[in-house]
């Protein structure tokens, strides 16, 4: 196990949860994986869904700090910025796409469960 800032051993699952804790973390990684290459901010925003620009930007910055996402700025007018997964981010391919396939397979049942629980 790795050491935390306080010098104590840190559980690997704790570090993973820190990576995916926000509401938009998994959808962002999932859509970057599906894209298979660099994606512009606006295109990623459209593919993720109802995420605000601020929240998407915050999520991407956090992923960049953690070494999961690479941000590339092109000196063009208008400015062009692309995001792609690093090798560490691409290593999430199998588990994230498996979760995505599970979510798609059970989407209708999940929606029914939500409706049943809100009554």
PDB file of N, CA and C in Angstrom:
ATOM      1  N   UNK A   1       0.832  -1.188   0.000  1.00  0.00           N
ATOM      2  CA  UNK A   1       0.000   0.000   0.000  1.00  0.00           C
ATOM      3  C   UNK A   1       0.873   1.247   0.000  1.00  0.00           C
ATOM      4  N   UNK A   2       0.327   2.352  -0.546  1.00  0.00           N
ATOM      5  CA  UNK A   2       1.063   3.604  -0.574  1.00  0.00           C
ATOM      6  C   UNK A   2       0.906   4.377   0.722  1.00  0.00           C
ATOM      7  N   UNK A   3       1.728   5.393   0.862  1.00  0.00           N
ATOM      8  CA  UNK A   3       1.681   6.249   2.047  1.00  0.00           C
ATOM      9  C   UNK A   3       0.839   7.483   1.746  1.00  0.00           C
ATOM     10  N   UNK A   4       0.040   7.895   2.722  1.00  0.00           N
ATOM     11  CA  UNK A   4      -0.722   9.124   2.587  1.00  0.00           C
ATOM     12  C   UNK A   4       0.180  10.294   2.952  1.00  0.00           C
ATOM     13  N   UNK A   5      -0.335  11.523   2.840  1.00  0.00           N
ATOM     14  CA  UNK A   5       0.461  12.704   3.176  1.00  0.00           C
ATOM     15  C   UNK A   5       0.903  12.680   4.638  1.00  0.00           C
ATOM     16  N   UNK A   6       0.105  12.052   5.500  1.00  0.00           N
ATOM     17  CA  UNK A   6       0.455  11.990   6.913  1.00  0.00           C
ATOM     18  C   UNK A   6       1.469  10.887   7.200  1.00  0.00           C
ATOM     19  N   UNK A   7       1.837  10.110   6.170  1.00  0.00           N
ATOM     20  CA  UNK A   7       2.810   9.041   6.337  1.00  0.00           C
ATOM     21  C   UNK A   7       2.190   7.702   6.669  1.00  0.00           C
ATOM     22  N   UNK A   8       0.866   7.668   6.830  1.00  0.00           N
ATOM     23  CA  UNK A   8       0.185   6.416   7.139  1.00  0.00           C
ATOM     24  C   UNK A   8      -0.078   5.633   5.855  1.00  0.00           C
ATOM     25  N   UNK A   9      -0.206   4.316   5.996  1.00  0.00           N
ATOM     26  CA  UNK A   9      -0.552   3.481   4.845  1.00  0.00           C
ATOM     27  C   UNK A   9      -1.946   3.852   4.359  1.00  0.00           C
ATOM     28  N   UNK A  10      -2.112   3.906   3.053  1.00  0.00           N
ATOM     29  CA  UNK A  10      -3.405   4.257   2.470  1.00  0.00           C
ATOM     30  C   UNK A  10      -3.923   3.085   1.655  1.00  0.00           C
ATOM     31  N   UNK A  11      -5.165   2.764   1.857  1.00  0.00           N
ATOM     32  CA  UNK A  11      -5.809   1.667   1.148  1.00  0.00           C
ATOM     33  C   UNK A  11      -5.930   2.012  -0.342  1.00  0.00           C
ATOM     34  N   UNK A  12      -5.581   1.095  -1.248  1.00  0.00           N
ATOM     35  CA  UNK A  12      -5.724   1.363  -2.677  1.00  0.00           C
ATOM     36  C   UNK A  12      -7.165   1.707  -3.073  1.00  0.00           C
ATOM     37  N   UNK A  13      -8.145   1.105  -2.404  1.00  0.00           N
ATOM     38  CA  UNK A  13      -9.546   1.399  -2.716  1.00  0.00           C
ATOM     39  C   UNK A  13      -9.894   2.840  -2.330  1.00  0.00           C
ATOM     40  N   UNK A  14      -9.287   3.346  -1.269  1.00  0.00           N
ATOM     41  CA  UNK A  14      -9.504   4.740  -0.870  1.00  0.00           C
ATOM     42  C   UNK A  14      -9.013   5.676  -1.961  1.00  0.00           C
ATOM     43  N   UNK A  15      -7.855   5.368  -2.545  1.00  0.00           N
ATOM     44  CA  UNK A  15      -7.325   6.192  -3.635  1.00  0.00           C
ATOM     45  C   UNK A  15      -8.231   6.105  -4.865  1.00  0.00           C
ATOM     46  N   UNK A  16      -8.756   4.921  -5.148  1.00  0.00           N
ATOM     47  CA  UNK A  16      -9.660   4.763  -6.282  1.00  0.00           C
ATOM     48  C   UNK A  16     -10.930   5.582  -6.082  1.00  0.00           C
ATOM     49  N   UNK A  17     -11.507   5.506  -4.900  1.00  0.00           N
ATOM     50  CA  UNK A  17     -12.727   6.266  -4.608  1.00  0.00           C
ATOM     51  C   UNK A  17     -12.459   7.764  -4.737  1.00  0.00           C
ATOM     52  N   UNK A  18     -11.282   8.216  -4.319  1.00  0.00           N
ATOM     53  CA  UNK A  18     -10.928   9.624  -4.480  1.00  0.00           C
ATOM     54  C   UNK A  18     -10.922  10.011  -5.957  1.00  0.00           C
ATOM     55  N   UNK A  19     -10.548   9.095  -6.816  1.00  0.00           N
ATOM     56  CA  UNK A  19     -10.518   9.347  -8.251  1.00  0.00           C
ATOM     57  C   UNK A  19     -11.925   9.441  -8.838  1.00  0.00           C
ATOM     58  N   UNK A  20     -12.828   8.576  -8.415  1.00  0.00           N
ATOM     59  CA  UNK A  20     -14.149   8.482  -9.055  1.00  0.00           C
ATOM     60  C   UNK A  20     -15.286   9.016  -8.197  1.00  0.00           C
ATOM     61  N   UNK A  21     -14.988   9.769  -7.147  1.00  0.00           N
ATOM     62  CA  UNK A  21     -15.992  10.184  -6.180  1.00  0.00           C
ATOM     63  C   UNK A  21     -17.024  11.170  -6.727  1.00  0.00           C
ATOM     64  N   UNK A  22     -16.687  11.993  -7.675  1.00  0.00           N
ATOM     65  CA  UNK A  22     -17.655  12.989  -8.140  1.00  0.00           C
ATOM     66  C   UNK A  22     -18.695  12.347  -9.066  1.00  0.00           C
ATOM     67  N   UNK A  23     -19.821  13.004  -9.156  1.00  0.00           N
ATOM     68  CA  UNK A  23     -20.938  12.511  -9.969  1.00  0.00           C
ATOM     69  C   UNK A  23     -20.545  12.315 -11.435  1.00  0.00           C
ATOM     70  N   UNK A  24     -19.660  13.155 -11.936  1.00  0.00           N
ATOM     71  CA  UNK A  24     -19.347  13.142 -13.361  1.00  0.00           C
ATOM     72  C   UNK A  24     -18.064  12.403 -13.698  1.00  0.00           C
ATOM     73  N   UNK A  25     -17.350  11.881 -12.719  1.00  0.00           N
ATOM     74  CA  UNK A  25     -16.056  11.240 -12.970  1.00  0.00           C
ATOM     75  C   UNK A  25     -16.184  10.046 -13.919  1.00  0.00           C
ATOM     76  N   UNK A  26     -17.034   9.105 -13.603  1.00  0.00           N
ATOM     77  CA  UNK A  26     -17.161   7.912 -14.449  1.00  0.00           C
ATOM     78  C   UNK A  26     -17.700   8.243 -15.840  1.00  0.00           C
ATOM     79  N   UNK A  27     -18.733   9.101 -15.968  1.00  0.00           N
ATOM     80  CA  UNK A  27     -19.167   9.446 -17.332  1.00  0.00           C
ATOM     81  C   UNK A  27     -18.074  10.115 -18.169  1.00  0.00           C
ATOM     82  N   UNK A  28     -17.239  10.942 -17.549  1.00  0.00           N
ATOM     83  CA  UNK A  28     -16.163  11.605 -18.288  1.00  0.00           C
ATOM     84  C   UNK A  28     -15.142  10.573 -18.769  1.00  0.00           C
ATOM     85  N   UNK A  29     -14.693   9.713 -17.876  1.00  0.00           N
ATOM     86  CA  UNK A  29     -13.721   8.688 -18.268  1.00  0.00           C
ATOM     87  C   UNK A  29     -14.331   7.750 -19.311  1.00  0.00           C
ATOM     88  N   UNK A  30     -15.571   7.346 -19.107  1.00  0.00           N
ATOM     89  CA  UNK A  30     -16.269   6.453 -20.038  1.00  0.00           C
ATOM     90  C   UNK A  30     -16.302   7.060 -21.443  1.00  0.00           C
ATOM     91  N   UNK A  31     -16.661   8.332 -21.547  1.00  0.00           N
ATOM     92  CA  UNK A  31     -16.743   8.967 -22.860  1.00  0.00           C
ATOM     93  C   UNK A  31     -15.384   9.205 -23.481  1.00  0.00           C
ATOM     94  N   UNK A  32     -14.364   9.458 -22.674  1.00  0.00           N
ATOM     95  CA  UNK A  32     -13.009   9.551 -23.220  1.00  0.00           C
ATOM     96  C   UNK A  32     -12.538   8.199 -23.741  1.00  0.00           C
ATOM     97  N   UNK A  33     -12.894   7.139 -23.033  1.00  0.00           N
ATOM     98  CA  UNK A  33     -12.539   5.795 -23.506  1.00  0.00           C
ATOM     99  C   UNK A  33     -13.251   5.472 -24.816  1.00  0.00           C
ATOM    100  N   UNK A  34     -14.535   5.799 -24.910  1.00  0.00           N
ATOM    101  CA  UNK A  34     -15.292   5.525 -26.136  1.00  0.00           C
ATOM    102  C   UNK A  34     -14.744   6.320 -27.314  1.00  0.00           C
ATOM    103  N   UNK A  35     -14.279   7.544 -27.057  1.00  0.00           N
ATOM    104  CA  UNK A  35     -13.752   8.386 -28.130  1.00  0.00           C
ATOM    105  C   UNK A  35     -12.492   7.774 -28.730  1.00  0.00           C
ATOM    106  N   UNK A  36     -11.690   7.129 -27.917  1.00  0.00           N
ATOM    107  CA  UNK A  36     -10.501   6.460 -28.413  1.00  0.00           C
ATOM    108  C   UNK A  36      -9.358   7.379 -28.816  1.00  0.00           C
ATOM    109  N   UNK A  37      -9.488   8.656 -28.570  1.00  0.00           N
ATOM    110  CA  UNK A  37      -8.442   9.609 -28.917  1.00  0.00           C
ATOM    111  C   UNK A  37      -8.774  10.966 -28.349  1.00  0.00           C
ATOM    112  N   UNK A  38      -8.033  11.983 -28.751  1.00  0.00           N
ATOM    113  CA  UNK A  38      -8.260  13.329 -28.216  1.00  0.00           C
ATOM    114  C   UNK A  38      -9.676  13.839 -28.504  1.00  0.00           C
ATOM    115  N   UNK A  39     -10.232  14.545 -27.513  1.00  0.00           N
ATOM    116  CA  UNK A  39     -11.590  15.071 -27.615  1.00  0.00           C
ATOM    117  C   UNK A  39     -11.579  16.534 -27.195  1.00  0.00           C
ATOM    118  N   UNK A  40     -12.256  17.361 -27.953  1.00  0.00           N
ATOM    119  CA  UNK A  40     -12.389  18.773 -27.586  1.00  0.00           C
ATOM    120  C   UNK A  40     -13.406  18.914 -26.459  1.00  0.00           C
ATOM    121  N   UNK A  41     -13.247  19.966 -25.674  1.00  0.00           N
ATOM    122  CA  UNK A  41     -14.085  20.194 -24.498  1.00  0.00           C
ATOM    123  C   UNK A  41     -15.575  20.170 -24.862  1.00  0.00           C
ATOM    124  N   UNK A  42     -15.959  20.909 -25.893  1.00  0.00           N
ATOM    125  CA  UNK A  42     -17.373  20.984 -26.283  1.00  0.00           C
ATOM    126  C   UNK A  42     -17.939  19.634 -26.693  1.00  0.00           C
ATOM    127  N   UNK A  43     -17.154  18.850 -27.404  1.00  0.00           N
ATOM    128  CA  UNK A  43     -17.610  17.519 -27.819  1.00  0.00           C
ATOM    129  C   UNK A  43     -17.769  16.600 -26.607  1.00  0.00           C
ATOM    130  N   UNK A  44     -16.836  16.702 -25.672  1.00  0.00           N
ATOM    131  CA  UNK A  44     -16.927  15.894 -24.461  1.00  0.00           C
ATOM    132  C   UNK A  44     -18.145  16.321 -23.651  1.00  0.00           C
ATOM    133  N   UNK A  45     -18.381  17.620 -23.585  1.00  0.00           N
ATOM    134  CA  UNK A  45     -19.534  18.134 -22.852  1.00  0.00           C
ATOM    135  C   UNK A  45     -20.838  17.590 -23.428  1.00  0.00           C
ATOM    136  N   UNK A  46     -20.938  17.544 -24.747  1.00  0.00           N
ATOM    137  CA  UNK A  46     -22.140  17.015 -25.398  1.00  0.00           C
ATOM    138  C   UNK A  46     -22.310  15.527 -25.132  1.00  0.00           C
ATOM    139  N   UNK A  47     -21.218  14.775 -25.184  1.00  0.00           N
ATOM    140  CA  UNK A  47     -21.323  13.324 -25.020  1.00  0.00           C
ATOM    141  C   UNK A  47     -21.616  12.925 -23.580  1.00  0.00           C
ATOM    142  N   UNK A  48     -21.155  13.711 -22.617  1.00  0.00           N
ATOM    143  CA  UNK A  48     -21.391  13.383 -21.207  1.00  0.00           C
ATOM    144  C   UNK A  48     -22.838  13.668 -20.827  1.00  0.00           C
ATOM    145  N   UNK A  49     -23.394  14.761 -21.333  1.00  0.00           N
ATOM    146  CA  UNK A  49     -24.795  15.050 -21.017  1.00  0.00           C
ATOM    147  C   UNK A  49     -24.960  16.356 -20.271  1.00  0.00           C
ATOM    148  N   UNK A  50     -25.732  16.338 -19.196  1.00  0.00           N
ATOM    149  CA  UNK A  50     -26.158  17.567 -18.535  1.00  0.00           C
ATOM    150  C   UNK A  50     -25.136  18.155 -17.565  1.00  0.00           C
ATOM    151  N   UNK A  51     -23.899  17.818 -17.685  1.00  0.00           N
ATOM    152  CA  UNK A  51     -22.852  18.385 -16.838  1.00  0.00           C
ATOM    153  C   UNK A  51     -22.638  19.856 -17.202  1.00  0.00           C
ATOM    154  N   UNK A  52     -22.436  20.703 -16.201  1.00  0.00           N
ATOM    155  CA  UNK A  52     -22.157  22.114 -16.475  1.00  0.00           C
ATOM    156  C   UNK A  52     -20.704  22.256 -16.946  1.00  0.00           C
ATOM    157  N   UNK A  53     -20.435  23.353 -17.634  1.00  0.00           N
ATOM    158  CA  UNK A  53     -19.066  23.614 -18.087  1.00  0.00           C
ATOM    159  C   UNK A  53     -18.117  23.660 -16.891  1.00  0.00           C
ATOM    160  N   UNK A  54     -18.568  24.287 -15.814  1.00  0.00           N
ATOM    161  CA  UNK A  54     -17.732  24.424 -14.612  1.00  0.00           C
ATOM    162  C   UNK A  54     -17.393  23.067 -14.004  1.00  0.00           C
ATOM    163  N   UNK A  55     -18.399  22.211 -13.892  1.00  0.00           N
ATOM    164  CA  UNK A  55     -18.172  20.894 -13.280  1.00  0.00           C
ATOM    165  C   UNK A  55     -17.307  20.010 -14.177  1.00  0.00           C
ATOM    166  N   UNK A  56     -17.519  20.083 -15.484  1.00  0.00           N
ATOM    167  CA  UNK A  56     -16.688  19.307 -16.404  1.00  0.00           C
ATOM    168  C   UNK A  56     -15.244  19.785 -16.329  1.00  0.00           C
ATOM    169  N   UNK A  57     -15.054  21.083 -16.313  1.00  0.00           N
ATOM    170  CA  UNK A  57     -13.706  21.642 -16.208  1.00  0.00           C
ATOM    171  C   UNK A  57     -13.039  21.210 -14.905  1.00  0.00           C
ATOM    172  N   UNK A  58     -13.774  21.251 -13.812  1.00  0.00           N
ATOM    173  CA  UNK A  58     -13.244  20.845 -12.505  1.00  0.00           C
ATOM    174  C   UNK A  58     -12.857  19.361 -12.519  1.00  0.00           C
ATOM    175  N   UNK A  59     -13.700  18.526 -13.104  1.00  0.00           N
ATOM    176  CA  UNK A  59     -13.433  17.085 -13.176  1.00  0.00           C
ATOM    177  C   UNK A  59     -12.188  16.813 -14.020  1.00  0.00           C
ATOM    178  N   UNK A  60     -12.080  17.474 -15.167  1.00  0.00           N
ATOM    179  CA  UNK A  60     -10.914  17.282 -16.035  1.00  0.00           C
ATOM    180  C   UNK A  60      -9.627  17.753 -15.361  1.00  0.00           C
ATOM    181  N   UNK A  61      -9.677  18.870 -14.647  1.00  0.00           N
ATOM    182  CA  UNK A  61      -8.489  19.359 -13.933  1.00  0.00           C
ATOM    183  C   UNK A  61      -8.055  18.359 -12.869  1.00  0.00           C
ATOM    184  N   UNK A  62      -9.018  17.805 -12.140  1.00  0.00           N
ATOM    185  CA  UNK A  62      -8.685  16.824 -11.109  1.00  0.00           C
ATOM    186  C   UNK A  62      -8.040  15.590 -11.738  1.00  0.00           C
ATOM    187  N   UNK A  63      -8.590  15.121 -12.849  1.00  0.00           N
ATOM    188  CA  UNK A  63      -8.018  13.972 -13.546  1.00  0.00           C
ATOM    189  C   UNK A  63      -6.622  14.284 -14.077  1.00  0.00           C
ATOM    190  N   UNK A  64      -6.425  15.515 -14.547  1.00  0.00           N
ATOM    191  CA  UNK A  64      -5.105  15.908 -15.043  1.00  0.00           C
ATOM    192  C   UNK A  64      -4.091  15.895 -13.891  1.00  0.00           C
ATOM    193  N   UNK A  65      -4.479  16.411 -12.733  1.00  0.00           N
ATOM    194  CA  UNK A  65      -3.600  16.414 -11.565  1.00  0.00           C
ATOM    195  C   UNK A  65      -3.256  14.998 -11.107  1.00  0.00           C
ATOM    196  N   UNK A  66      -4.189  14.072 -11.288  1.00  0.00           N
ATOM    197  CA  UNK A  66      -3.974  12.690 -10.855  1.00  0.00           C
ATOM    198  C   UNK A  66      -3.240  11.868 -11.903  1.00  0.00           C
ATOM    199  N   UNK A  67      -3.006  12.444 -13.074  1.00  0.00           N
ATOM    200  CA  UNK A  67      -2.277  11.737 -14.114  1.00  0.00           C
ATOM    201  C   UNK A  67      -3.124  10.804 -14.957  1.00  0.00           C
ATOM    202  N   UNK A  68      -4.431  11.017 -14.963  1.00  0.00           N
ATOM    203  CA  UNK A  68      -5.350  10.159 -15.722  1.00  0.00           C
ATOM    204  C   UNK A  68      -5.684  10.772 -17.079  1.00  0.00           C
ATOM    205  N   UNK A  69      -5.695  12.105 -17.141  1.00  0.00           N
ATOM    206  CA  UNK A  69      -6.053  12.822 -18.362  1.00  0.00           C
ATOM    207  C   UNK A  69      -4.927  13.775 -18.734  1.00  0.00           C
ATOM    208  N   UNK A  70      -4.706  13.886 -20.041  1.00  0.00           N
ATOM    209  CA  UNK A  70      -3.726  14.831 -20.573  1.00  0.00           C
ATOM    210  C   UNK A  70      -4.485  15.938 -21.293  1.00  0.00           C
ATOM    211  N   UNK A  71      -4.092  17.165 -21.033  1.00  0.00           N
ATOM    212  CA  UNK A  71      -4.695  18.343 -21.667  1.00  0.00           C
ATOM    213  C   UNK A  71      -3.682  18.924 -22.624  1.00  0.00           C
ATOM    214  N   UNK A  72      -4.091  19.125 -23.873  1.00  0.00           N
ATOM    215  CA  UNK A  72      -3.182  19.695 -24.871  1.00  0.00           C
ATOM    216  C   UNK A  72      -3.815  20.962 -25.446  1.00  0.00           C
ATOM    217  N   UNK A  73      -3.073  22.058 -25.342  1.00  0.00           N
ATOM    218  CA  UNK A  73      -3.537  23.355 -25.842  1.00  0.00           C
ATOM    219  C   UNK A  73      -2.806  23.661 -27.139  1.00  0.00           C
ATOM    220  N   UNK A  74      -3.563  24.039 -28.162  1.00  0.00           N
ATOM    221  CA  UNK A  74      -2.999  24.410 -29.457  1.00  0.00           C
ATOM    222  C   UNK A  74      -3.026  25.928 -29.584  1.00  0.00           C
ATOM    223  N   UNK A  75      -1.918  26.509 -29.959  1.00  0.00           N
ATOM    224  CA  UNK A  75      -1.815  27.964 -30.108  1.00  0.00           C
ATOM    225  C   UNK A  75      -2.450  28.381 -31.426  1.00  0.00           C
ATOM    226  N   UNK A  76      -3.755  28.359 -31.438  1.00  0.00           N
ATOM    227  CA  UNK A  76      -4.527  28.722 -32.628  1.00  0.00           C
ATOM    228  C   UNK A  76      -5.557  29.762 -32.239  1.00  0.00           C
ATOM    229  N   UNK A  77      -6.121  30.419 -33.227  1.00  0.00           N
ATOM    230  CA  UNK A  77      -7.233  31.329 -32.996  1.00  0.00           C
ATOM    231  C   UNK A  77      -8.396  30.807 -33.811  1.00  0.00           C
ATOM    232  N   UNK A  78      -9.494  30.439 -33.165  1.00  0.00           N
ATOM    233  CA  UNK A  78      -9.693  30.409 -31.719  1.00  0.00           C
ATOM    234  C   UNK A  78      -8.876  29.279 -31.064  1.00  0.00           C
ATOM    235  N   UNK A  79      -8.631  29.452 -29.788  1.00  0.00           N
ATOM    236  CA  UNK A  79      -7.851  28.492 -29.014  1.00  0.00           C
ATOM    237  C   UNK A  79      -8.512  27.114 -29.079  1.00  0.00           C
ATOM    238  N   UNK A  80      -7.693  26.090 -29.260  1.00  0.00           N
ATOM    239  CA  UNK A  80      -8.208  24.715 -29.306  1.00  0.00           C
ATOM    240  C   UNK A  80      -7.543  23.933 -28.175  1.00  0.00           C
ATOM    241  N   UNK A  81      -8.376  23.252 -27.386  1.00  0.00           N
ATOM    242  CA  UNK A  81      -7.898  22.424 -26.289  1.00  0.00           C
ATOM    243  C   UNK A  81      -8.494  21.031 -26.459  1.00  0.00           C
ATOM    244  N   UNK A  82      -7.637  20.025 -26.352  1.00  0.00           N
ATOM    245  CA  UNK A  82      -8.088  18.634 -26.462  1.00  0.00           C
ATOM    246  C   UNK A  82      -7.688  17.870 -25.213  1.00  0.00           C
ATOM    247  N   UNK A  83      -8.530  16.905 -24.871  1.00  0.00           N
ATOM    248  CA  UNK A  83      -8.288  16.047 -23.722  1.00  0.00           C
ATOM    249  C   UNK A  83      -8.195  14.607 -24.188  1.00  0.00           C
ATOM    250  N   UNK A  84      -7.265  13.888 -23.597  1.00  0.00           N
ATOM    251  CA  UNK A  84      -7.132  12.469 -23.898  1.00  0.00           C
ATOM    252  C   UNK A  84      -6.684  11.751 -22.631  1.00  0.00           C
ATOM    253  N   UNK A  85      -6.855  10.461 -22.635  1.00  0.00           N
ATOM    254  CA  UNK A  85      -6.427   9.662 -21.490  1.00  0.00           C
ATOM    255  C   UNK A  85      -4.937   9.370 -21.575  1.00  0.00           C
ATOM    256  N   UNK A  86      -4.286   9.375 -20.448  1.00  0.00           N
ATOM    257  CA  UNK A  86      -2.889   8.969 -20.346  1.00  0.00           C
ATOM    258  C   UNK A  86      -2.857   7.438 -20.332  1.00  0.00           C
ATOM    259  N   UNK A  87      -1.698   6.831 -20.372  1.00  0.00           N
ATOM    260  CA  UNK A  87      -1.647   5.365 -20.238  1.00  0.00           C
ATOM    261  C   UNK A  87      -2.340   4.881 -18.949  1.00  0.00           C
ATOM    262  N   UNK A  88      -2.192   5.640 -17.861  1.00  0.00           N
ATOM    263  CA  UNK A  88      -2.887   5.272 -16.618  1.00  0.00           C
ATOM    264  C   UNK A  88      -4.392   5.333 -16.815  1.00  0.00           C
ATOM    265  N   UNK A  89      -4.873   6.377 -17.460  1.00  0.00           N
ATOM    266  CA  UNK A  89      -6.308   6.499 -17.729  1.00  0.00           C
ATOM    267  C   UNK A  89      -6.813   5.399 -18.647  1.00  0.00           C
ATOM    268  N   UNK A  90      -6.017   5.065 -19.668  1.00  0.00           N
ATOM    269  CA  UNK A  90      -6.430   3.997 -20.591  1.00  0.00           C
ATOM    270  C   UNK A  90      -6.460   2.637 -19.905  1.00  0.00           C
ATOM    271  N   UNK A  91      -5.717   2.499 -18.821  1.00  0.00           N
ATOM    272  CA  UNK A  91      -5.739   1.218 -18.100  1.00  0.00           C
ATOM    273  C   UNK A  91      -7.085   0.972 -17.429  1.00  0.00           C
ATOM    274  N   UNK A  92      -7.942   1.997 -17.389  1.00  0.00           N
ATOM    275  CA  UNK A  92      -9.302   1.838 -16.849  1.00  0.00           C
ATOM    276  C   UNK A  92     -10.265   1.254 -17.885  1.00  0.00           C
ATOM    277  N   UNK A  93      -9.771   1.003 -19.087  1.00  0.00           N
ATOM    278  CA  UNK A  93     -10.606   0.534 -20.195  1.00  0.00           C
ATOM    279  C   UNK A  93     -11.517  -0.633 -19.806  1.00  0.00           C
ATOM    280  N   UNK A  94     -10.938  -1.705 -19.362  1.00  0.00           N
ATOM    281  CA  UNK A  94     -11.725  -2.909 -19.071  1.00  0.00           C
ATOM    282  C   UNK A  94     -12.762  -2.698 -17.965  1.00  0.00           C
ATOM    283  N   UNK A  95     -12.383  -2.191 -16.785  1.00  0.00           N
ATOM    284  CA  UNK A  95     -13.398  -2.054 -15.738  1.00  0.00           C
ATOM    285  C   UNK A  95     -14.473  -1.015 -16.050  1.00  0.00           C
ATOM    286  N   UNK A  96     -14.099   0.111 -16.649  1.00  0.00           N
ATOM    287  CA  UNK A  96     -15.088   1.162 -16.923  1.00  0.00           C
ATOM    288  C   UNK A  96     -16.042   0.743 -18.036  1.00  0.00           C
ATOM    289  N   UNK A  97     -15.512   0.164 -19.106  1.00  0.00           N
ATOM    290  CA  UNK A  97     -16.402  -0.275 -20.184  1.00  0.00           C
ATOM    291  C   UNK A  97     -17.293  -1.427 -19.729  1.00  0.00           C
ATOM    292  N   UNK A  98     -16.808  -2.269 -18.827  1.00  0.00           N
ATOM    293  CA  UNK A  98     -17.652  -3.331 -18.270  1.00  0.00           C
ATOM    294  C   UNK A  98     -18.797  -2.721 -17.461  1.00  0.00           C
ATOM    295  N   UNK A  99     -18.507  -1.700 -16.673  1.00  0.00           N
ATOM    296  CA  UNK A  99     -19.571  -1.013 -15.928  1.00  0.00           C
ATOM    297  C   UNK A  99     -20.548  -0.334 -16.883  1.00  0.00           C
ATOM    298  N   UNK A 100     -20.029   0.277 -17.951  1.00  0.00           N
ATOM    299  CA  UNK A 100     -20.891   0.918 -18.943  1.00  0.00           C
ATOM    300  C   UNK A 100     -21.809  -0.084 -19.631  1.00  0.00           C
ATOM    301  N   UNK A 101     -21.274  -1.236 -19.991  1.00  0.00           N
ATOM    302  CA  UNK A 101     -22.094  -2.279 -20.619  1.00  0.00           C
ATOM    303  C   UNK A 101     -23.171  -2.758 -19.657  1.00  0.00           C
ATOM    304  N   UNK A 102     -22.812  -2.912 -18.383  1.00  0.00           N
ATOM    305  CA  UNK A 102     -23.782  -3.331 -17.374  1.00  0.00           C
ATOM    306  C   UNK A 102     -24.889  -2.278 -17.251  1.00  0.00           C
ATOM    307  N   UNK A 103     -24.508  -0.998 -17.219  1.00  0.00           N
ATOM    308  CA  UNK A 103     -25.483   0.089 -17.089  1.00  0.00           C
ATOM    309  C   UNK A 103     -26.433   0.127 -18.288  1.00  0.00           C
ATOM    310  N   UNK A 104     -25.888  -0.063 -19.490  1.00  0.00           N
ATOM    311  CA  UNK A 104     -26.742  -0.064 -20.674  1.00  0.00           C
ATOM    312  C   UNK A 104     -27.680  -1.266 -20.678  1.00  0.00           C
ATOM    313  N   UNK A 105     -27.173  -2.425 -20.298  1.00  0.00           N
ATOM    314  CA  UNK A 105     -27.978  -3.644 -20.275  1.00  0.00           C
ATOM    315  C   UNK A 105     -29.142  -3.528 -19.298  1.00  0.00           C
ATOM    316  N   UNK A 106     -28.919  -2.867 -18.176  1.00  0.00           N
ATOM    317  CA  UNK A 106     -29.933  -2.805 -17.125  1.00  0.00           C
ATOM    318  C   UNK A 106     -30.581  -1.435 -17.000  1.00  0.00           C
ATOM    319  N   UNK A 107     -30.446  -0.588 -18.000  1.00  0.00           N
ATOM    320  CA  UNK A 107     -30.956   0.784 -17.930  1.00  0.00           C
ATOM    321  C   UNK A 107     -32.437   0.838 -17.608  1.00  0.00           C
ATOM    322  N   UNK A 108     -33.240   0.024 -18.261  1.00  0.00           N
ATOM    323  CA  UNK A 108     -34.686   0.087 -18.019  1.00  0.00           C
ATOM    324  C   UNK A 108     -35.035  -0.390 -16.615  1.00  0.00           C
ATOM    325  N   UNK A 109     -34.356  -1.413 -16.144  1.00  0.00           N
ATOM    326  CA  UNK A 109     -34.609  -1.906 -14.783  1.00  0.00           C
ATOM    327  C   UNK A 109     -34.175  -0.890 -13.740  1.00  0.00           C
ATOM    328  N   UNK A 110     -33.063  -0.200 -14.010  1.00  0.00           N
ATOM    329  CA  UNK A 110     -32.595   0.822 -13.082  1.00  0.00           C
ATOM    330  C   UNK A 110     -33.586   1.987 -13.024  1.00  0.00           C
ATOM    331  N   UNK A 111     -34.135   2.368 -14.190  1.00  0.00           N
ATOM    332  CA  UNK A 111     -35.109   3.453 -14.233  1.00  0.00           C
ATOM    333  C   UNK A 111     -36.383   3.041 -13.493  1.00  0.00           C
ATOM    334  N   UNK A 112     -36.820   1.813 -13.649  1.00  0.00           N
ATOM    335  CA  UNK A 112     -38.012   1.327 -12.946  1.00  0.00           C
ATOM    336  C   UNK A 112     -37.775   1.320 -11.434  1.00  0.00           C
ATOM    337  N   UNK A 113     -36.600   0.914 -11.034  1.00  0.00           N
ATOM    338  CA  UNK A 113     -36.257   0.886  -9.608  1.00  0.00           C
ATOM    339  C   UNK A 113     -36.280   2.283  -9.015  1.00  0.00           C
ATOM    340  N   UNK A 114     -35.814   3.256  -9.768  1.00  0.00           N
ATOM    341  CA  UNK A 114     -35.820   4.635  -9.291  1.00  0.00           C
ATOM    342  C   UNK A 114     -37.250   5.131  -9.131  1.00  0.00           C
ATOM    343  N   UNK A 115     -38.104   4.809 -10.112  1.00  0.00           N
ATOM    344  CA  UNK A 115     -39.502   5.232 -10.042  1.00  0.00           C
ATOM    345  C   UNK A 115     -40.203   4.550  -8.870  1.00  0.00           C
ATOM    346  N   UNK A 116     -39.933   3.271  -8.653  1.00  0.00           N
ATOM    347  CA  UNK A 116     -40.567   2.539  -7.558  1.00  0.00           C
ATOM    348  C   UNK A 116     -40.126   3.071  -6.208  1.00  0.00           C
ATOM    349  N   UNK A 117     -38.869   3.478  -6.098  1.00  0.00           N
ATOM    350  CA  UNK A 117     -38.348   3.981  -4.818  1.00  0.00           C
ATOM    351  C   UNK A 117     -38.819   5.379  -4.508  1.00  0.00           C
ATOM    352  N   UNK A 118     -39.277   6.147  -5.511  1.00  0.00           N
ATOM    353  CA  UNK A 118     -39.702   7.527  -5.260  1.00  0.00           C
ATOM    354  C   UNK A 118     -41.162   7.622  -4.854  1.00  0.00           C
ATOM    355  N   UNK A 119     -41.869   6.498  -4.840  1.00  0.00           N
ATOM    356  CA  UNK A 119     -43.289   6.528  -4.461  1.00  0.00           C
ATOM    357  C   UNK A 119     -43.479   6.428  -2.991  1.00  0.00           C
TER     358      UNK A 119
END
